[in-house]
Amino acid sequence: PNTIMPNVTDGTNVKWNIPHIDMFPNAVLEIFDRWGRLVYHTEHVFEEPWEGKSAGKLLPMDSYYFVLNLNFGDAKPIVGTVNLIK
């Protein structure tokens, strides 16, 4: 899934949970805005899924670019977009 709706009151799609990320405990996730500014970074991807926030503030509705480095063997970083809608 690549879309989250962090303002939903019923608790669905509130966080960007990456399936099976618990299998890669050394993974690092970085999320960038359309201007290439880093808006989110975590070295604890499983414990700290992205909630559509940067520095504690909800970001505007947009598509954000992500880089997920699994830090596992010769695995190349996974890149793509995640959509934040309200």
N, C-alpha and C. Protein backbone atom coordinates (compact mmCIF):
# COMPACT_ATOMS: atom_id res chain seq x y z
N PRO A 1 0.83 -1.20 0.00
CA PRO A 1 0.00 0.00 0.00
C PRO A 1 0.87 1.25 0.00
N ASN A 2 0.48 2.23 -0.79
CA ASN A 2 1.30 3.44 -0.86
C ASN A 2 0.48 4.71 -0.60
N THR A 3 -0.64 4.57 0.12
CA THR A 3 -1.47 5.73 0.42
C THR A 3 -1.88 5.68 1.88
N ILE A 4 -1.77 6.84 2.56
CA ILE A 4 -2.25 6.94 3.93
C ILE A 4 -3.16 8.15 4.05
N MET A 5 -4.08 8.06 5.00
CA MET A 5 -5.02 9.13 5.30
C MET A 5 -4.91 9.40 6.80
N PRO A 6 -3.93 10.18 7.23
CA PRO A 6 -3.66 10.30 8.66
C PRO A 6 -4.72 11.02 9.48
N ASN A 7 -5.70 11.65 8.86
CA ASN A 7 -6.71 12.34 9.65
C ASN A 7 -8.01 11.54 9.79
N VAL A 8 -7.99 10.30 9.40
CA VAL A 8 -9.20 9.46 9.49
C VAL A 8 -9.46 9.15 10.97
N THR A 9 -10.70 9.30 11.39
CA THR A 9 -11.03 9.12 12.80
C THR A 9 -11.24 7.67 13.22
N ASP A 10 -11.43 6.78 12.25
CA ASP A 10 -11.68 5.38 12.63
C ASP A 10 -10.41 4.55 12.78
N GLY A 11 -9.24 5.17 12.59
CA GLY A 11 -7.97 4.49 12.81
C GLY A 11 -7.43 3.72 11.62
N THR A 12 -8.11 3.72 10.48
CA THR A 12 -7.61 3.01 9.31
C THR A 12 -6.69 3.91 8.50
N ASN A 13 -5.67 3.32 7.92
CA ASN A 13 -4.71 4.02 7.07
C ASN A 13 -4.07 5.23 7.75
N VAL A 14 -3.92 5.16 9.05
CA VAL A 14 -3.35 6.28 9.79
C VAL A 14 -1.83 6.30 9.69
N LYS A 15 -1.23 5.14 9.57
CA LYS A 15 0.23 5.02 9.48
C LYS A 15 0.59 4.22 8.24
N TRP A 16 1.76 4.50 7.70
CA TRP A 16 2.24 3.76 6.54
C TRP A 16 3.00 2.54 7.05
N ASN A 17 2.32 1.43 7.16
CA ASN A 17 2.92 0.18 7.60
C ASN A 17 3.40 -0.60 6.39
N ILE A 18 4.68 -0.88 6.34
CA ILE A 18 5.28 -1.59 5.22
C ILE A 18 5.23 -3.09 5.53
N PRO A 19 4.54 -3.87 4.70
CA PRO A 19 4.42 -5.31 4.97
C PRO A 19 5.78 -6.00 5.10
N HIS A 20 5.91 -6.82 6.10
CA HIS A 20 7.09 -7.67 6.36
C HIS A 20 8.36 -6.89 6.67
N ILE A 21 8.25 -5.62 7.00
CA ILE A 21 9.46 -4.84 7.31
C ILE A 21 10.12 -5.34 8.59
N ASP A 22 9.38 -6.04 9.43
CA ASP A 22 9.96 -6.60 10.65
C ASP A 22 11.05 -7.62 10.35
N MET A 23 11.10 -8.14 9.12
CA MET A 23 12.14 -9.10 8.73
C MET A 23 13.48 -8.41 8.44
N PHE A 24 13.47 -7.08 8.44
CA PHE A 24 14.68 -6.30 8.12
C PHE A 24 14.93 -5.29 9.24
N PRO A 25 15.47 -5.75 10.36
CA PRO A 25 15.62 -4.87 11.53
C PRO A 25 16.60 -3.72 11.33
N ASN A 26 17.44 -3.78 10.31
CA ASN A 26 18.41 -2.70 10.07
C ASN A 26 17.96 -1.73 8.98
N ALA A 27 16.71 -1.85 8.56
CA ALA A 27 16.20 -0.99 7.49
C ALA A 27 16.18 0.47 7.92
N VAL A 28 16.36 1.34 6.93
CA VAL A 28 16.31 2.78 7.14
C VAL A 28 15.33 3.36 6.11
N LEU A 29 14.42 4.21 6.57
CA LEU A 29 13.44 4.84 5.70
C LEU A 29 13.64 6.35 5.70
N GLU A 30 13.69 6.92 4.49
CA GLU A 30 13.74 8.37 4.34
C GLU A 30 12.62 8.78 3.40
N ILE A 31 11.95 9.86 3.75
CA ILE A 31 10.86 10.38 2.94
C ILE A 31 11.16 11.84 2.62
N PHE A 32 10.95 12.19 1.34
CA PHE A 32 11.28 13.53 0.85
C PHE A 32 10.05 14.18 0.24
N ASP A 33 9.99 15.51 0.33
CA ASP A 33 8.90 16.23 -0.33
C ASP A 33 9.26 16.46 -1.79
N ARG A 34 8.39 17.12 -2.53
CA ARG A 34 8.58 17.31 -3.97
C ARG A 34 9.79 18.16 -4.32
N TRP A 35 10.31 18.89 -3.34
CA TRP A 35 11.50 19.72 -3.57
C TRP A 35 12.78 19.03 -3.12
N GLY A 36 12.65 17.79 -2.71
CA GLY A 36 13.82 17.01 -2.31
C GLY A 36 14.26 17.22 -0.87
N ARG A 37 13.44 17.89 -0.09
CA ARG A 37 13.77 18.10 1.32
C ARG A 37 13.38 16.87 2.13
N LEU A 38 14.28 16.44 2.98
CA LEU A 38 14.01 15.30 3.86
C LEU A 38 12.96 15.71 4.88
N VAL A 39 11.83 14.99 4.90
CA VAL A 39 10.77 15.31 5.86
C VAL A 39 10.62 14.24 6.94
N TYR A 40 11.22 13.06 6.71
CA TYR A 40 11.12 11.99 7.69
C TYR A 40 12.29 11.04 7.53
N HIS A 41 12.83 10.61 8.64
CA HIS A 41 13.94 9.64 8.66
C HIS A 41 13.76 8.77 9.89
N THR A 42 13.89 7.46 9.69
CA THR A 42 13.88 6.56 10.84
C THR A 42 14.78 5.35 10.56
N GLU A 43 15.44 4.92 11.59
CA GLU A 43 16.23 3.69 11.55
C GLU A 43 15.48 2.57 12.27
N HIS A 44 14.23 2.85 12.63
CA HIS A 44 13.36 1.89 13.32
C HIS A 44 12.03 1.82 12.56
N VAL A 45 12.09 1.34 11.33
CA VAL A 45 10.95 1.39 10.42
C VAL A 45 9.75 0.63 10.96
N PHE A 46 9.97 -0.53 11.55
CA PHE A 46 8.86 -1.33 12.07
C PHE A 46 8.20 -0.65 13.27
N GLU A 47 9.01 -0.11 14.17
CA GLU A 47 8.49 0.50 15.39
C GLU A 47 7.96 1.91 15.17
N GLU A 48 8.42 2.58 14.11
CA GLU A 48 8.06 3.98 13.88
C GLU A 48 7.53 4.19 12.46
N PRO A 49 6.37 3.60 12.13
CA PRO A 49 5.83 3.81 10.78
C PRO A 49 5.47 5.29 10.58
N TRP A 50 5.59 5.76 9.34
CA TRP A 50 5.33 7.17 9.04
C TRP A 50 3.85 7.48 9.22
N GLU A 51 3.56 8.60 9.85
CA GLU A 51 2.19 9.04 10.11
C GLU A 51 1.82 10.27 9.30
N GLY A 52 2.62 10.61 8.29
CA GLY A 52 2.33 11.79 7.48
C GLY A 52 2.77 13.07 8.13
N LYS A 53 3.68 12.97 9.08
CA LYS A 53 4.14 14.15 9.82
C LYS A 53 5.63 14.38 9.61
N SER A 54 6.01 15.63 9.81
CA SER A 54 7.41 16.03 9.83
C SER A 54 7.59 16.97 11.01
N ALA A 55 8.53 16.67 11.86
CA ALA A 55 8.78 17.46 13.07
C ALA A 55 7.50 17.63 13.88
N GLY A 56 6.67 16.58 13.92
CA GLY A 56 5.45 16.59 14.71
C GLY A 56 4.24 17.26 14.08
N LYS A 57 4.41 17.83 12.89
CA LYS A 57 3.30 18.52 12.23
C LYS A 57 2.84 17.75 11.00
N LEU A 58 1.53 17.67 10.83
CA LEU A 58 0.96 16.98 9.68
C LEU A 58 1.34 17.71 8.39
N LEU A 59 1.85 16.95 7.44
CA LEU A 59 2.25 17.52 6.15
C LEU A 59 1.05 17.72 5.24
N PRO A 60 1.19 18.58 4.22
CA PRO A 60 0.08 18.78 3.29
C PRO A 60 -0.15 17.56 2.40
N MET A 61 -1.36 17.48 1.88
CA MET A 61 -1.70 16.41 0.96
C MET A 61 -0.79 16.51 -0.26
N ASP A 62 -0.15 15.39 -0.62
CA ASP A 62 0.80 15.39 -1.73
C ASP A 62 1.33 13.97 -1.91
N SER A 63 2.16 13.79 -2.92
CA SER A 63 2.91 12.54 -3.09
C SER A 63 4.32 12.80 -2.60
N TYR A 64 4.84 11.88 -1.83
CA TYR A 64 6.17 12.00 -1.25
C TYR A 64 7.04 10.87 -1.77
N TYR A 65 8.30 11.16 -2.01
CA TYR A 65 9.26 10.21 -2.53
C TYR A 65 9.92 9.50 -1.35
N PHE A 66 10.04 8.19 -1.43
CA PHE A 66 10.69 7.48 -0.33
C PHE A 66 11.87 6.66 -0.84
N VAL A 67 12.82 6.46 0.06
CA VAL A 67 13.95 5.56 -0.15
C VAL A 67 13.98 4.63 1.06
N LEU A 68 13.82 3.34 0.80
CA LEU A 68 13.85 2.33 1.84
C LEU A 68 15.08 1.47 1.62
N ASN A 69 16.05 1.62 2.49
CA ASN A 69 17.28 0.84 2.42
C ASN A 69 17.15 -0.31 3.42
N LEU A 70 17.09 -1.54 2.92
CA LEU A 70 16.90 -2.70 3.78
C LEU A 70 18.17 -3.07 4.55
N ASN A 71 19.33 -2.62 4.07
CA ASN A 71 20.60 -2.95 4.71
C ASN A 71 20.72 -4.45 4.92
N PHE A 72 20.47 -5.18 3.82
CA PHE A 72 20.49 -6.64 3.88
C PHE A 72 21.21 -7.16 2.65
N GLY A 73 22.36 -7.75 2.86
CA GLY A 73 23.13 -8.33 1.75
C GLY A 73 23.36 -7.34 0.63
N ASP A 74 23.12 -7.77 -0.59
CA ASP A 74 23.32 -6.92 -1.77
C ASP A 74 22.02 -6.24 -2.21
N ALA A 75 21.03 -6.20 -1.36
CA ALA A 75 19.74 -5.61 -1.73
C ALA A 75 19.90 -4.13 -2.04
N LYS A 76 19.36 -3.73 -3.18
CA LYS A 76 19.39 -2.31 -3.56
C LYS A 76 18.24 -1.60 -2.85
N PRO A 77 18.40 -0.29 -2.60
CA PRO A 77 17.31 0.46 -1.97
C PRO A 77 16.03 0.38 -2.80
N ILE A 78 14.93 0.36 -2.12
CA ILE A 78 13.61 0.38 -2.76
C ILE A 78 13.17 1.83 -2.77
N VAL A 79 12.74 2.32 -3.93
CA VAL A 79 12.32 3.70 -4.05
C VAL A 79 10.92 3.76 -4.65
N GLY A 80 10.22 4.84 -4.37
CA GLY A 80 8.89 5.02 -4.92
C GLY A 80 8.21 6.22 -4.30
N THR A 81 6.89 6.24 -4.41
CA THR A 81 6.13 7.34 -3.82
C THR A 81 5.09 6.80 -2.86
N VAL A 82 4.79 7.61 -1.89
CA VAL A 82 3.70 7.34 -0.95
C VAL A 82 2.81 8.57 -0.95
N ASN A 83 1.51 8.36 -1.05
CA ASN A 83 0.55 9.44 -1.15
C ASN A 83 -0.06 9.75 0.19
N LEU A 84 -0.12 11.02 0.49
CA LEU A 84 -0.74 11.48 1.73
C LEU A 84 -2.01 12.23 1.31
N ILE A 85 -3.17 11.70 1.71
CA ILE A 85 -4.43 12.36 1.38
C ILE A 85 -5.20 12.64 2.66
N LYS A 86 -6.03 13.65 2.57
CA LYS A 86 -6.81 14.06 3.76
C LYS A 86 -8.28 14.01 3.44
